[in-house]
Amino acid sequence: MSGYGSGGYGDGAASGGGGVHLPQGHPYAPPAPPRGHPNSPPAPPQGQPYAQAGPPPGYPYTQSGPPTAYPYPRSGPPPGYPYPPVHGPVPPPRAEPSRARNILRGLYNPLYAAQRAFRPSRPGIVHDPEVRRLQLWRTGLGLLAWVGLTVTYNAVASADGVQGVAGERLDQSWSSVLVLVCTFPVVVGAFVAAARGGLRRMYLRRTLRPLGSVLAVMGSMGTSALAMAPELAGFRDAVGLPGRVALIVLVLWSIGFALYGIGLSLVHVFRTADIHEVLPPILAGVLVWEMALLDVVTGSYDQVPTGARVAFVLGAPLTVTALSWWELYRLRRDHGLTLRTALGR
């Protein structure tokens, strides 16, 4: 056989024998078999073979990558989490009522109006719940001690006796308010005068609200004269029936406002904390010793034995003084507020 046909210089693949397979397009490559022939090559894949995301079918390991969606809700742990959340969802801030709404509420609720008038409300004021709690306990225990002393040494056997005891206690509270009204400008004036530089002008601006509370309690007590003073009988006749009804409503509103306001004025010392936090304990200490001196001068509790009288008269100022010193100590220890720093010295 010629060497051109079998193995010399010829191509065994071209002649059908075994050997090197030539690629398609080679000038000596045999023609490709038709599609569907058992020896036909597989068709090339359509498109990019790695275009699909994810591992191939049957791949034993999951593909790492970002999740399609965040698997946990924003407001808590994932479903099935065995431990409860440490902090609950934060509620939205509560909207402050408008000034017109506060005024409307105070018109039909004298107790709310008294809270707005006699409680300190300066922004940034220091509130000590422990001191306020002890002040309430001190007021309650003082009232119980007074009731016990009165019942023990004053026979209260009828409604007139109860009315007399209640009237006596109201007169003492009103006397305390009057003494506080007289003491207020002296102590506050000395405090403002002793301040230095710009502090003096700032404290003068802050005295407007405490002065307003003083005028409010005096005005509310003065409205009762419109309904009961004999000198104003002509005025009550002139206003007629509608005016009398309005006057009665005003007096009832003023009584509730004044009674609650007197208690708040004694607890918050005419909201002098709006001027500075160190003023209420100082003013309360001065007031309680003035009231004790007034009881000694006027001869209060003269029917009480001497030992019980001394204990009762001195018990209130000593207790209030100790509480005032403790409040000043807490203000210095916890908040760095002292009388020296308040005066700018």
C-alpha atoms as a PDB file:
ATOM      1  CA  MET A   1       0.000   0.000   0.000  1.00  0.00           C
ATOM      2  CA  SER A   2       1.270   3.400  -0.725  1.00  0.00           C
ATOM      3  CA  GLY A   3       2.804   5.374   2.097  1.00  0.00           C
ATOM      4  CA  TYR A   4       0.520   8.219   1.347  1.00  0.00           C
ATOM      5  CA  GLY A   5      -2.449   6.212   2.504  1.00  0.00           C
ATOM      6  CA  SER A   6      -1.563   4.376   5.710  1.00  0.00           C
ATOM      7  CA  GLY A   7       1.177   5.348   8.053  1.00  0.00           C
ATOM      8  CA  GLY A   8       4.094   6.885   6.241  1.00  0.00           C
ATOM      9  CA  TYR A   9       3.211  10.405   5.412  1.00  0.00           C
ATOM     10  CA  GLY A  10      -0.544  10.121   5.440  1.00  0.00           C
ATOM     11  CA  ASP A  11      -3.082  10.838   8.249  1.00  0.00           C
ATOM     12  CA  GLY A  12      -4.622   7.829   9.825  1.00  0.00           C
ATOM     13  CA  ALA A  13      -7.649   9.832  10.962  1.00  0.00           C
ATOM     14  CA  ALA A  14      -8.340  10.960   7.437  1.00  0.00           C
ATOM     15  CA  SER A  15      -8.199   7.377   6.210  1.00  0.00           C
ATOM     16  CA  GLY A  16     -10.380   6.051   9.032  1.00  0.00           C
ATOM     17  CA  GLY A  17      -7.577   4.473  11.191  1.00  0.00           C
ATOM     18  CA  GLY A  18      -6.631   5.354  14.784  1.00  0.00           C
ATOM     19  CA  GLY A  19      -4.462   8.366  15.502  1.00  0.00           C
ATOM     20  CA  VAL A  20      -4.717  12.048  16.234  1.00  0.00           C
ATOM     21  CA  HIS A  21      -8.162  13.656  16.047  1.00  0.00           C
ATOM     22  CA  LEU A  22      -8.112  16.879  14.073  1.00  0.00           C
ATOM     23  CA  PRO A  23     -10.375  19.762  15.189  1.00  0.00           C
ATOM     24  CA  GLN A  24     -13.222  20.962  13.091  1.00  0.00           C
ATOM     25  CA  GLY A  25     -12.112  23.392  10.413  1.00  0.00           C
ATOM     26  CA  HIS A  26      -8.805  21.683   9.761  1.00  0.00           C
ATOM     27  CA  PRO A  27      -8.201  21.186   6.001  1.00  0.00           C
ATOM     28  CA  TYR A  28      -7.687  17.448   6.491  1.00  0.00           C
ATOM     29  CA  ALA A  29     -10.363  16.882   9.136  1.00  0.00           C
ATOM     30  CA  PRO A  30     -13.145  14.472   8.186  1.00  0.00           C
ATOM     31  CA  PRO A  31     -16.652  15.901   7.831  1.00  0.00           C
ATOM     32  CA  ALA A  32     -18.694  16.064  11.078  1.00  0.00           C
ATOM     33  CA  PRO A  33     -21.429  13.476  11.374  1.00  0.00           C
ATOM     34  CA  PRO A  34     -24.968  14.750  11.238  1.00  0.00           C
ATOM     35  CA  ARG A  35     -26.877  15.689  14.485  1.00  0.00           C
ATOM     36  CA  GLY A  36     -28.347  12.662  16.084  1.00  0.00           C
ATOM     37  CA  HIS A  37     -25.601  10.315  14.937  1.00  0.00           C
ATOM     38  CA  PRO A  38     -24.217   8.164  17.788  1.00  0.00           C
ATOM     39  CA  ASN A  39     -20.720   9.534  17.180  1.00  0.00           C
ATOM     40  CA  SER A  40     -21.762  13.208  16.973  1.00  0.00           C
ATOM     41  CA  PRO A  41     -20.181  15.557  19.604  1.00  0.00           C
ATOM     42  CA  PRO A  42     -22.423  17.145  22.278  1.00  0.00           C
ATOM     43  CA  ALA A  43     -23.903  20.519  21.524  1.00  0.00           C
ATOM     44  CA  PRO A  44     -22.249  23.510  23.227  1.00  0.00           C
ATOM     45  CA  PRO A  45     -24.235  25.051  26.181  1.00  0.00           C
ATOM     46  CA  GLN A  46     -26.344  28.040  25.398  1.00  0.00           C
ATOM     47  CA  GLY A  47     -25.165  31.220  27.148  1.00  0.00           C
ATOM     48  CA  GLN A  48     -22.725  31.532  29.999  1.00  0.00           C
ATOM     49  CA  PRO A  49     -22.586  28.225  31.930  1.00  0.00           C
ATOM     50  CA  TYR A  50     -22.011  30.040  35.285  1.00  0.00           C
ATOM     51  CA  ALA A  51     -24.612  32.763  34.888  1.00  0.00           C
ATOM     52  CA  GLN A  52     -27.086  31.143  37.295  1.00  0.00           C
ATOM     53  CA  ALA A  53     -26.614  32.149  40.981  1.00  0.00           C
ATOM     54  CA  GLY A  54     -26.136  29.421  43.508  1.00  0.00           C
ATOM     55  CA  PRO A  55     -24.355  26.083  43.630  1.00  0.00           C
ATOM     56  CA  PRO A  56     -24.975  23.351  41.055  1.00  0.00           C
ATOM     57  CA  PRO A  57     -27.669  20.747  41.759  1.00  0.00           C
ATOM     58  CA  GLY A  58     -26.607  18.213  44.350  1.00  0.00           C
ATOM     59  CA  TYR A  59     -23.871  20.443  45.818  1.00  0.00           C
ATOM     60  CA  PRO A  60     -23.517  19.366  49.490  1.00  0.00           C
ATOM     61  CA  TYR A  61     -22.545  22.785  50.915  1.00  0.00           C
ATOM     62  CA  THR A  62     -24.542  25.961  50.913  1.00  0.00           C
ATOM     63  CA  GLN A  63     -23.206  28.978  49.081  1.00  0.00           C
ATOM     64  CA  SER A  64     -22.138  31.868  51.335  1.00  0.00           C
ATOM     65  CA  GLY A  65     -23.534  35.242  50.438  1.00  0.00           C
ATOM     66  CA  PRO A  66     -25.891  38.005  51.591  1.00  0.00           C
ATOM     67  CA  PRO A  67     -29.438  36.849  52.452  1.00  0.00           C
ATOM     68  CA  THR A  68     -32.245  37.901  50.206  1.00  0.00           C
ATOM     69  CA  ALA A  69     -34.059  39.480  53.171  1.00  0.00           C
ATOM     70  CA  TYR A  70     -33.149  40.391  56.775  1.00  0.00           C
ATOM     71  CA  PRO A  71     -34.070  37.260  58.751  1.00  0.00           C
ATOM     72  CA  TYR A  72     -34.898  39.049  62.049  1.00  0.00           C
ATOM     73  CA  PRO A  73     -37.555  41.660  62.763  1.00  0.00           C
ATOM     74  CA  ARG A  74     -36.318  45.063  63.760  1.00  0.00           C
ATOM     75  CA  SER A  75     -38.211  45.331  67.071  1.00  0.00           C
ATOM     76  CA  GLY A  76     -37.228  42.099  68.812  1.00  0.00           C
ATOM     77  CA  PRO A  77     -35.367  38.786  68.721  1.00  0.00           C
ATOM     78  CA  PRO A  78     -35.938  36.190  65.981  1.00  0.00           C
ATOM     79  CA  PRO A  79     -38.914  33.839  66.232  1.00  0.00           C
ATOM     80  CA  GLY A  80     -38.330  31.020  68.692  1.00  0.00           C
ATOM     81  CA  TYR A  81     -35.612  32.923  70.605  1.00  0.00           C
ATOM     82  CA  PRO A  82     -35.612  31.370  74.124  1.00  0.00           C
ATOM     83  CA  TYR A  83     -34.893  34.588  76.055  1.00  0.00           C
ATOM     84  CA  PRO A  84     -37.173  37.641  76.309  1.00  0.00           C
ATOM     85  CA  PRO A  85     -35.832  41.002  75.142  1.00  0.00           C
ATOM     86  CA  VAL A  86     -33.983  43.051  77.755  1.00  0.00           C
ATOM     87  CA  HIS A  87     -35.566  46.338  76.745  1.00  0.00           C
ATOM     88  CA  GLY A  88     -39.039  46.716  75.342  1.00  0.00           C
ATOM     89  CA  PRO A  89     -39.883  48.937  72.405  1.00  0.00           C
ATOM     90  CA  VAL A  90     -39.367  52.618  73.147  1.00  0.00           C
ATOM     91  CA  PRO A  91     -42.691  54.482  73.030  1.00  0.00           C
ATOM     92  CA  PRO A  92     -42.816  57.735  71.089  1.00  0.00           C
ATOM     93  CA  PRO A  93     -42.411  60.928  73.152  1.00  0.00           C
ATOM     94  CA  ARG A  94     -45.636  62.252  74.585  1.00  0.00           C
ATOM     95  CA  ALA A  95     -46.772  65.529  73.109  1.00  0.00           C
ATOM     96  CA  GLU A  96     -47.011  68.399  75.587  1.00  0.00           C
ATOM     97  CA  PRO A  97     -50.499  69.919  75.889  1.00  0.00           C
ATOM     98  CA  SER A  98     -50.866  73.401  74.535  1.00  0.00           C
ATOM     99  CA  ARG A  99     -51.155  76.487  76.722  1.00  0.00           C
ATOM    100  CA  ALA A 100     -54.813  76.966  75.786  1.00  0.00           C
ATOM    101  CA  ARG A 101     -55.600  73.385  76.810  1.00  0.00           C
ATOM    102  CA  ASN A 102     -53.857  73.839  80.180  1.00  0.00           C
ATOM    103  CA  ILE A 103     -55.834  77.026  80.844  1.00  0.00           C
ATOM    104  CA  LEU A 104     -59.124  75.341  79.911  1.00  0.00           C
ATOM    105  CA  ARG A 105     -58.369  72.405  82.194  1.00  0.00           C
ATOM    106  CA  GLY A 106     -57.500  74.735  85.066  1.00  0.00           C
ATOM    107  CA  LEU A 107     -60.834  76.570  84.700  1.00  0.00           C
ATOM    108  CA  TYR A 108     -62.891  73.507  85.544  1.00  0.00           C
ATOM    109  CA  ASN A 109     -60.342  71.796  87.825  1.00  0.00           C
ATOM    110  CA  PRO A 110     -59.060  74.006  90.676  1.00  0.00           C
ATOM    111  CA  LEU A 111     -56.708  71.277  91.938  1.00  0.00           C
ATOM    112  CA  TYR A 112     -54.933  71.121  88.574  1.00  0.00           C
ATOM    113  CA  ALA A 113     -54.727  74.921  88.552  1.00  0.00           C
ATOM    114  CA  ALA A 114     -53.143  74.816  92.031  1.00  0.00           C
ATOM    115  CA  GLN A 115     -50.560  72.294  90.848  1.00  0.00           C
ATOM    116  CA  ARG A 116     -49.636  74.544  87.939  1.00  0.00           C
ATOM    117  CA  ALA A 117     -49.444  77.590  90.206  1.00  0.00           C
ATOM    118  CA  PHE A 118     -47.566  76.237  93.247  1.00  0.00           C
ATOM    119  CA  ARG A 119     -45.263  73.457  91.983  1.00  0.00           C
ATOM    120  CA  PRO A 120     -41.794  74.379  90.675  1.00  0.00           C
ATOM    121  CA  SER A 121     -41.472  73.918  86.927  1.00  0.00           C
ATOM    122  CA  ARG A 122     -38.207  75.564  85.891  1.00  0.00           C
ATOM    123  CA  PRO A 123     -36.448  73.638  83.068  1.00  0.00           C
ATOM    124  CA  GLY A 124     -33.445  71.721  84.363  1.00  0.00           C
ATOM    125  CA  ILE A 125     -34.524  71.850  88.002  1.00  0.00           C
ATOM    126  CA  VAL A 126     -33.164  69.090  90.248  1.00  0.00           C
ATOM    127  CA  HIS A 127     -35.820  66.709  91.573  1.00  0.00           C
ATOM    128  CA  ASP A 128     -34.886  64.474  94.498  1.00  0.00           C
ATOM    129  CA  PRO A 129     -37.651  61.891  95.038  1.00  0.00           C
ATOM    130  CA  GLU A 130     -36.172  60.794  98.363  1.00  0.00           C
ATOM    131  CA  VAL A 131     -36.362  64.288  99.822  1.00  0.00           C
ATOM    132  CA  ARG A 132     -39.899  64.829  98.523  1.00  0.00           C
ATOM    133  CA  ARG A 133     -40.999  61.507 100.031  1.00  0.00           C
ATOM    134  CA  LEU A 134     -39.565  62.452 103.427  1.00  0.00           C
ATOM    135  CA  GLN A 135     -41.247  65.851 103.255  1.00  0.00           C
ATOM    136  CA  LEU A 136     -44.610  64.166 102.711  1.00  0.00           C
ATOM    137  CA  TRP A 137     -43.932  61.793 105.603  1.00  0.00           C
ATOM    138  CA  ARG A 138     -42.923  64.721 107.801  1.00  0.00           C
ATOM    139  CA  THR A 139     -46.137  66.592 106.910  1.00  0.00           C
ATOM    140  CA  GLY A 140     -48.292  63.521 107.526  1.00  0.00           C
ATOM    141  CA  LEU A 141     -46.628  62.653 110.831  1.00  0.00           C
ATOM    142  CA  GLY A 142     -46.890  66.267 111.977  1.00  0.00           C
ATOM    143  CA  LEU A 143     -50.598  66.270 111.194  1.00  0.00           C
ATOM    144  CA  LEU A 144     -51.101  62.985 113.066  1.00  0.00           C
ATOM    145  CA  ALA A 145     -49.163  64.315 116.072  1.00  0.00           C
ATOM    146  CA  TRP A 146     -51.287  67.474 116.092  1.00  0.00           C
ATOM    147  CA  VAL A 147     -54.520  65.467 115.876  1.00  0.00           C
ATOM    148  CA  GLY A 148     -53.370  63.167 118.682  1.00  0.00           C
ATOM    149  CA  LEU A 149     -52.388  66.106 120.873  1.00  0.00           C
ATOM    150  CA  THR A 150     -55.691  67.855 120.245  1.00  0.00           C
ATOM    151  CA  VAL A 151     -57.823  64.774 120.868  1.00  0.00           C
ATOM    152  CA  THR A 152     -55.898  63.910 124.036  1.00  0.00           C
ATOM    153  CA  TYR A 153     -56.079  67.309 125.725  1.00  0.00           C
ATOM    154  CA  ASN A 154     -59.202  68.735 124.065  1.00  0.00           C
ATOM    155  CA  ALA A 155     -62.466  66.851 124.454  1.00  0.00           C
ATOM    156  CA  VAL A 156     -63.993  66.535 121.000  1.00  0.00           C
ATOM    157  CA  ALA A 157     -67.400  65.089 121.763  1.00  0.00           C
ATOM    158  CA  SER A 158     -69.675  66.815 119.249  1.00  0.00           C
ATOM    159  CA  ALA A 159     -69.806  68.124 115.719  1.00  0.00           C
ATOM    160  CA  ASP A 160     -69.145  71.627 117.025  1.00  0.00           C
ATOM    161  CA  GLY A 161     -65.950  70.365 118.662  1.00  0.00           C
ATOM    162  CA  VAL A 162     -64.762  68.785 115.407  1.00  0.00           C
ATOM    163  CA  GLN A 163     -65.599  71.981 113.549  1.00  0.00           C
ATOM    164  CA  GLY A 164     -63.678  74.018 116.106  1.00  0.00           C
ATOM    165  CA  VAL A 165     -60.607  71.780 115.856  1.00  0.00           C
ATOM    166  CA  ALA A 166     -60.684  71.902 112.034  1.00  0.00           C
ATOM    167  CA  GLY A 167     -61.082  75.673 112.122  1.00  0.00           C
ATOM    168  CA  GLU A 168     -58.128  75.968 114.498  1.00  0.00           C
ATOM    169  CA  ARG A 169     -55.946  73.888 112.217  1.00  0.00           C
ATOM    170  CA  LEU A 170     -56.979  75.941 109.187  1.00  0.00           C
ATOM    171  CA  ASP A 171     -56.182  79.143 111.065  1.00  0.00           C
ATOM    172  CA  GLN A 172     -52.711  77.781 111.902  1.00  0.00           C
ATOM    173  CA  SER A 173     -52.089  76.868 108.278  1.00  0.00           C
ATOM    174  CA  TRP A 174     -53.245  80.298 107.154  1.00  0.00           C
ATOM    175  CA  SER A 175     -50.990  81.907 109.771  1.00  0.00           C
ATOM    176  CA  SER A 176     -48.069  79.867 108.430  1.00  0.00           C
ATOM    177  CA  VAL A 177     -48.805  81.130 104.931  1.00  0.00           C
ATOM    178  CA  LEU A 178     -48.975  84.726 106.148  1.00  0.00           C
ATOM    179  CA  VAL A 179     -45.662  84.366 107.986  1.00  0.00           C
ATOM    180  CA  LEU A 180     -44.162  82.778 104.876  1.00  0.00           C
ATOM    181  CA  VAL A 181     -45.455  85.669 102.763  1.00  0.00           C
ATOM    182  CA  CYS A 182     -43.722  88.119 105.104  1.00  0.00           C
ATOM    183  CA  THR A 183     -40.522  86.068 105.288  1.00  0.00           C
ATOM    184  CA  PHE A 184     -40.341  85.376 101.543  1.00  0.00           C
ATOM    185  CA  PRO A 185     -39.216  88.849 100.355  1.00  0.00           C
ATOM    186  CA  VAL A 186     -36.655  89.154 103.166  1.00  0.00           C
ATOM    187  CA  VAL A 187     -34.894  85.822 102.551  1.00  0.00           C
ATOM    188  CA  VAL A 188     -35.170  85.948  98.748  1.00  0.00           C
ATOM    189  CA  GLY A 189     -34.090  89.603  98.685  1.00  0.00           C
ATOM    190  CA  ALA A 190     -31.000  88.820 100.779  1.00  0.00           C
ATOM    191  CA  PHE A 191     -30.183  85.843  98.546  1.00  0.00           C
ATOM    192  CA  VAL A 192     -30.463  87.883  95.344  1.00  0.00           C
ATOM    193  CA  ALA A 193     -28.500  90.805  96.817  1.00  0.00           C
ATOM    194  CA  ALA A 194     -25.667  88.488  97.880  1.00  0.00           C
ATOM    195  CA  ALA A 195     -25.337  86.975  94.375  1.00  0.00           C
ATOM    196  CA  ARG A 196     -22.609  88.267  92.087  1.00  0.00           C
ATOM    197  CA  GLY A 197     -22.531  89.495  88.510  1.00  0.00           C
ATOM    198  CA  GLY A 198     -25.072  88.115  86.069  1.00  0.00           C
ATOM    199  CA  LEU A 199     -26.482  85.720  88.653  1.00  0.00           C
ATOM    200  CA  ARG A 200     -28.301  88.596  90.332  1.00  0.00           C
ATOM    201  CA  ARG A 201     -30.195  89.528  87.163  1.00  0.00           C
ATOM    202  CA  MET A 202     -30.984  85.877  86.455  1.00  0.00           C
ATOM    203  CA  TYR A 203     -32.377  85.323  89.958  1.00  0.00           C
ATOM    204  CA  LEU A 204     -34.470  88.476  89.675  1.00  0.00           C
ATOM    205  CA  ARG A 205     -36.075  87.130  86.497  1.00  0.00           C
ATOM    206  CA  ARG A 206     -36.733  83.798  88.197  1.00  0.00           C
ATOM    207  CA  THR A 207     -38.594  85.427  91.108  1.00  0.00           C
ATOM    208  CA  LEU A 208     -41.598  86.168  88.880  1.00  0.00           C
ATOM    209  CA  ARG A 209     -43.167  82.723  89.277  1.00  0.00           C
ATOM    210  CA  PRO A 210     -42.718  82.536  93.079  1.00  0.00           C
ATOM    211  CA  LEU A 211     -44.194  86.028  93.383  1.00  0.00           C
ATOM    212  CA  GLY A 212     -47.079  84.918  91.176  1.00  0.00           C
ATOM    213  CA  SER A 213     -47.788  81.994  93.506  1.00  0.00           C
ATOM    214  CA  VAL A 214     -47.855  84.380  96.495  1.00  0.00           C
ATOM    215  CA  LEU A 215     -50.349  86.644  94.732  1.00  0.00           C
ATOM    216  CA  ALA A 216     -52.414  83.611  93.670  1.00  0.00           C
ATOM    217  CA  VAL A 217     -52.901  82.277  97.203  1.00  0.00           C
ATOM    218  CA  MET A 218     -53.672  85.754  98.567  1.00  0.00           C
ATOM    219  CA  GLY A 219     -56.173  86.440  95.798  1.00  0.00           C
ATOM    220  CA  SER A 220     -57.926  83.089  96.213  1.00  0.00           C
ATOM    221  CA  MET A 221     -58.399  83.706  99.942  1.00  0.00           C
ATOM    222  CA  GLY A 222     -59.682  87.199  99.225  1.00  0.00           C
ATOM    223  CA  THR A 223     -62.514  86.012  96.976  1.00  0.00           C
ATOM    224  CA  SER A 224     -64.382  84.584  99.965  1.00  0.00           C
ATOM    225  CA  ALA A 225     -64.927  88.156 101.149  1.00  0.00           C
ATOM    226  CA  LEU A 226     -67.062  88.789  98.073  1.00  0.00           C
ATOM    227  CA  ALA A 227     -69.612  86.238  99.273  1.00  0.00           C
ATOM    228  CA  MET A 228     -69.465  86.713 103.045  1.00  0.00           C
ATOM    229  CA  ALA A 229     -68.311  90.247 103.923  1.00  0.00           C
ATOM    230  CA  PRO A 230     -71.210  92.395 105.190  1.00  0.00           C
ATOM    231  CA  GLU A 231     -69.640  95.480 103.644  1.00  0.00           C
ATOM    232  CA  LEU A 232     -70.140  93.986 100.153  1.00  0.00           C
ATOM    233  CA  ALA A 233     -73.841  93.205 100.550  1.00  0.00           C
ATOM    234  CA  GLY A 234     -74.721  96.086  98.235  1.00  0.00           C
ATOM    235  CA  PHE A 235     -72.464  94.656  95.535  1.00  0.00           C
ATOM    236  CA  ARG A 236     -74.126  91.243  95.828  1.00  0.00           C
ATOM    237  CA  ASP A 237     -77.569  92.831  95.504  1.00  0.00           C
ATOM    238  CA  ALA A 238     -76.480  94.863  92.480  1.00  0.00           C
ATOM    239  CA  VAL A 239     -75.276  91.889  90.403  1.00  0.00           C
ATOM    240  CA  GLY A 240     -78.636  90.097  90.655  1.00  0.00           C
ATOM    241  CA  LEU A 241     -79.305  86.391  90.509  1.00  0.00           C
ATOM    242  CA  PRO A 242     -76.973  85.534  87.571  1.00  0.00           C
ATOM    243  CA  GLY A 243     -74.173  87.423  89.264  1.00  0.00           C
ATOM    244  CA  ARG A 244     -74.779  85.614  92.549  1.00  0.00           C
ATOM    245  CA  VAL A 245     -74.625  82.226  90.833  1.00  0.00           C
ATOM    246  CA  ALA A 246     -71.358  83.182  89.136  1.00  0.00           C
ATOM    247  CA  LEU A 247     -70.063  84.493  92.473  1.00  0.00           C
ATOM    248  CA  ILE A 248     -70.904  81.219  94.248  1.00  0.00           C
ATOM    249  CA  VAL A 249     -69.132  79.196  91.530  1.00  0.00           C
ATOM    250  CA  LEU A 250     -66.102  81.469  91.818  1.00  0.00           C
ATOM    251  CA  VAL A 251     -65.997  81.140  95.603  1.00  0.00           C
ATOM    252  CA  LEU A 252     -66.264  77.334  95.477  1.00  0.00           C
ATOM    253  CA  TRP A 253     -63.482  77.177  92.870  1.00  0.00           C
ATOM    254  CA  SER A 254     -61.331  79.514  94.981  1.00  0.00           C
ATOM    255  CA  ILE A 255     -61.844  77.449  98.143  1.00  0.00           C
ATOM    256  CA  GLY A 256     -60.573  74.280  96.444  1.00  0.00           C
ATOM    257  CA  PHE A 257     -57.710  76.214  94.867  1.00  0.00           C
ATOM    258  CA  ALA A 258     -56.738  77.904  98.149  1.00  0.00           C
ATOM    259  CA  LEU A 259     -56.898  74.817 100.376  1.00  0.00           C
ATOM    260  CA  TYR A 260     -54.781  72.729  98.028  1.00  0.00           C
ATOM    261  CA  GLY A 261     -52.549  75.702  97.280  1.00  0.00           C
ATOM    262  CA  ILE A 262     -51.796  76.295 100.973  1.00  0.00           C
ATOM    263  CA  GLY A 263     -50.556  72.711 101.315  1.00  0.00           C
ATOM    264  CA  LEU A 264     -48.446  72.942  98.173  1.00  0.00           C
ATOM    265  CA  SER A 265     -47.077  76.334  99.248  1.00  0.00           C
ATOM    266  CA  LEU A 266     -45.865  74.898 102.545  1.00  0.00           C
ATOM    267  CA  VAL A 267     -44.345  71.794 100.920  1.00  0.00           C
ATOM    268  CA  HIS A 268     -42.665  73.597  97.996  1.00  0.00           C
ATOM    269  CA  VAL A 269     -42.095  76.875  99.917  1.00  0.00           C
ATOM    270  CA  PHE A 270     -43.807  79.030  97.301  1.00  0.00           C
ATOM    271  CA  ARG A 271     -41.906  77.285  94.486  1.00  0.00           C
ATOM    272  CA  THR A 272     -38.670  79.035  95.434  1.00  0.00           C
ATOM    273  CA  ALA A 273     -36.793  76.145  93.793  1.00  0.00           C
ATOM    274  CA  ASP A 274     -37.554  77.988  90.546  1.00  0.00           C
ATOM    275  CA  ILE A 275     -35.018  80.561  91.742  1.00  0.00           C
ATOM    276  CA  HIS A 276     -32.450  78.029  93.008  1.00  0.00           C
ATOM    277  CA  GLU A 277     -32.588  74.577  94.578  1.00  0.00           C
ATOM    278  CA  VAL A 278     -30.893  75.646  97.831  1.00  0.00           C
ATOM    279  CA  LEU A 279     -33.558  78.231  98.687  1.00  0.00           C
ATOM    280  CA  PRO A 280     -36.452  75.923  99.765  1.00  0.00           C
ATOM    281  CA  PRO A 281     -34.581  74.197 102.625  1.00  0.00           C
ATOM    282  CA  ILE A 282     -33.178  77.516 103.853  1.00  0.00           C
ATOM    283  CA  LEU A 283     -36.540  79.266 103.724  1.00  0.00           C
ATOM    284  CA  ALA A 284     -38.328  76.280 105.301  1.00  0.00           C
ATOM    285  CA  GLY A 285     -35.890  76.293 108.240  1.00  0.00           C
ATOM    286  CA  VAL A 286     -36.399  80.019 108.842  1.00  0.00           C
ATOM    287  CA  LEU A 287     -40.180  79.678 108.590  1.00  0.00           C
ATOM    288  CA  VAL A 288     -40.526  76.794 111.043  1.00  0.00           C
ATOM    289  CA  TRP A 289     -38.510  78.573 113.745  1.00  0.00           C
ATOM    290  CA  GLU A 290     -40.620  81.685 113.252  1.00  0.00           C
ATOM    291  CA  MET A 291     -43.777  79.608 113.725  1.00  0.00           C
ATOM    292  CA  ALA A 292     -42.345  78.026 116.883  1.00  0.00           C
ATOM    293  CA  LEU A 293     -41.539  81.486 118.278  1.00  0.00           C
ATOM    294  CA  LEU A 294     -45.050  82.642 117.341  1.00  0.00           C
ATOM    295  CA  ASP A 295     -46.585  79.692 119.238  1.00  0.00           C
ATOM    296  CA  VAL A 296     -44.548  80.536 122.334  1.00  0.00           C
ATOM    297  CA  VAL A 297     -45.472  84.233 122.196  1.00  0.00           C
ATOM    298  CA  THR A 298     -49.186  83.694 121.602  1.00  0.00           C
ATOM    299  CA  GLY A 299     -49.448  80.912 124.184  1.00  0.00           C
ATOM    300  CA  SER A 300     -50.692  78.180 121.872  1.00  0.00           C
ATOM    301  CA  TYR A 301     -51.565  74.807 123.419  1.00  0.00           C
ATOM    302  CA  ASP A 302     -51.905  76.365 126.872  1.00  0.00           C
ATOM    303  CA  GLN A 303     -54.147  73.484 127.970  1.00  0.00           C
ATOM    304  CA  VAL A 304     -51.360  70.968 127.215  1.00  0.00           C
ATOM    305  CA  PRO A 305     -48.924  69.978 130.009  1.00  0.00           C
ATOM    306  CA  THR A 306     -45.576  71.706 129.906  1.00  0.00           C
ATOM    307  CA  GLY A 307     -43.515  68.678 128.875  1.00  0.00           C
ATOM    308  CA  ALA A 308     -45.802  67.709 125.986  1.00  0.00           C
ATOM    309  CA  ARG A 309     -46.078  71.337 124.929  1.00  0.00           C
ATOM    310  CA  VAL A 310     -42.288  71.797 124.790  1.00  0.00           C
ATOM    311  CA  ALA A 311     -41.881  68.538 122.873  1.00  0.00           C
ATOM    312  CA  PHE A 312     -44.573  69.503 120.389  1.00  0.00           C
ATOM    313  CA  VAL A 313     -43.434  73.102 119.888  1.00  0.00           C
ATOM    314  CA  LEU A 314     -39.751  72.183 119.471  1.00  0.00           C
ATOM    315  CA  GLY A 315     -40.303  68.885 117.638  1.00  0.00           C
ATOM    316  CA  ALA A 316     -41.441  70.520 114.393  1.00  0.00           C
ATOM    317  CA  PRO A 317     -38.530  73.006 114.010  1.00  0.00           C
ATOM    318  CA  LEU A 318     -35.913  70.435 115.004  1.00  0.00           C
ATOM    319  CA  THR A 319     -37.300  67.895 112.511  1.00  0.00           C
ATOM    320  CA  VAL A 320     -37.583  70.400 109.683  1.00  0.00           C
ATOM    321  CA  THR A 321     -34.100  71.779 110.405  1.00  0.00           C
ATOM    322  CA  ALA A 322     -32.579  68.302 110.283  1.00  0.00           C
ATOM    323  CA  LEU A 323     -34.399  67.562 107.051  1.00  0.00           C
ATOM    324  CA  SER A 324     -33.249  70.874 105.554  1.00  0.00           C
ATOM    325  CA  TRP A 325     -29.612  70.146 106.402  1.00  0.00           C
ATOM    326  CA  TRP A 326     -29.934  66.666 104.939  1.00  0.00           C
ATOM    327  CA  GLU A 327     -31.457  68.085 101.739  1.00  0.00           C
ATOM    328  CA  LEU A 328     -28.602  70.563 101.414  1.00  0.00           C
ATOM    329  CA  TYR A 329     -26.143  67.711 101.954  1.00  0.00           C
ATOM    330  CA  ARG A 330     -27.753  65.650  99.182  1.00  0.00           C
ATOM    331  CA  LEU A 331     -27.718  68.616  96.825  1.00  0.00           C
ATOM    332  CA  ARG A 332     -23.979  69.079  97.455  1.00  0.00           C
ATOM    333  CA  ARG A 333     -23.119  65.377  97.287  1.00  0.00           C
ATOM    334  CA  ASP A 334     -25.246  64.283  94.331  1.00  0.00           C
ATOM    335  CA  HIS A 335     -25.545  67.434  92.230  1.00  0.00           C
ATOM    336  CA  GLY A 336     -22.705  69.731  93.296  1.00  0.00           C
ATOM    337  CA  LEU A 337     -25.110  72.519  94.387  1.00  0.00           C
ATOM    338  CA  THR A 338     -24.078  74.597  97.392  1.00  0.00           C
ATOM    339  CA  LEU A 339     -24.977  78.017  98.723  1.00  0.00           C
ATOM    340  CA  ARG A 340     -21.495  79.293  97.834  1.00  0.00           C
ATOM    341  CA  THR A 341     -21.765  78.197  94.203  1.00  0.00           C
ATOM    342  CA  ALA A 342     -25.342  79.537  94.011  1.00  0.00           C
ATOM    343  CA  LEU A 343     -24.064  82.975  95.012  1.00  0.00           C
ATOM    344  CA  GLY A 344     -21.132  82.753  92.597  1.00  0.00           C
ATOM    345  CA  ARG A 345     -18.501  82.951  95.319  1.00  0.00           C
END
